[in-house]
Amino acid sequence: LLNVLSGLERAESGQIFYDDTEITGLTDKELTAFRRKKIGFIFQQYYLLQNMNVGKNVKMGADLAVNSDYKAILKEVGLENKLYKFPSELSGGEQQRVSVARALAKRPKLLLCDEPTGALDYNTGRQILKLLQETCRKDKMTVVLITHNGAITPMADHIIRMKSGKIVEDIYNENPKNVEEIEW
């Protein structure tokens, strides 16, 4: 679903709109430019560049947005002291946080997240969810978060439950909770 929403994969049918742009009708070159300008990704597999240290991986995202403040985002994810470490020198949870920092450093309007807390312990997971929620509100960013952890859904504005590729529930949450208010 995230790959189709982002244009990484073509939809087999239907249309996908981002504001007034029908992305299903864009050429490959136009899709690449669209993703570069509008979308951030937090993948479950991290997809960090192994030949670049933490700082350069995050700076790469920041450069797409002409954002020189990428080190502040590393501090927010608790990795300011890992700036010169390479992905192979990090734990899975640390690599996940680098992926989060890289995506946020880009300052996208749409952030697509695939299990962004999957490799994180409870406290770090809460820290990252809080950062995503606060950034979303502050920067008016749309965050689409795919998770199997149903306990975090009360923090969402809109919840879509799927089963076997079909929507089984579509709920607008009129009173989303702050991360601190939920437990899992």
Foldseek 3Di string as FASTA:
>chain_A
DVCCQLVVDADPDDWHDDVNDTSNPDDPVVSVVCCLAAEFEQELVLPFDQVAFLQVSQVVLLVSQVQPPLLVLCVLLPNNVRRGPGPVVDDSQNSLSSSLSSRVSNVHQEYEYEPSCVRPDPVSSLSSLLVVLVSCVVSVHHYHYDDPPPQQVLQDQWDFDDDPRHTPDTDGRPRRDRSVPTDD
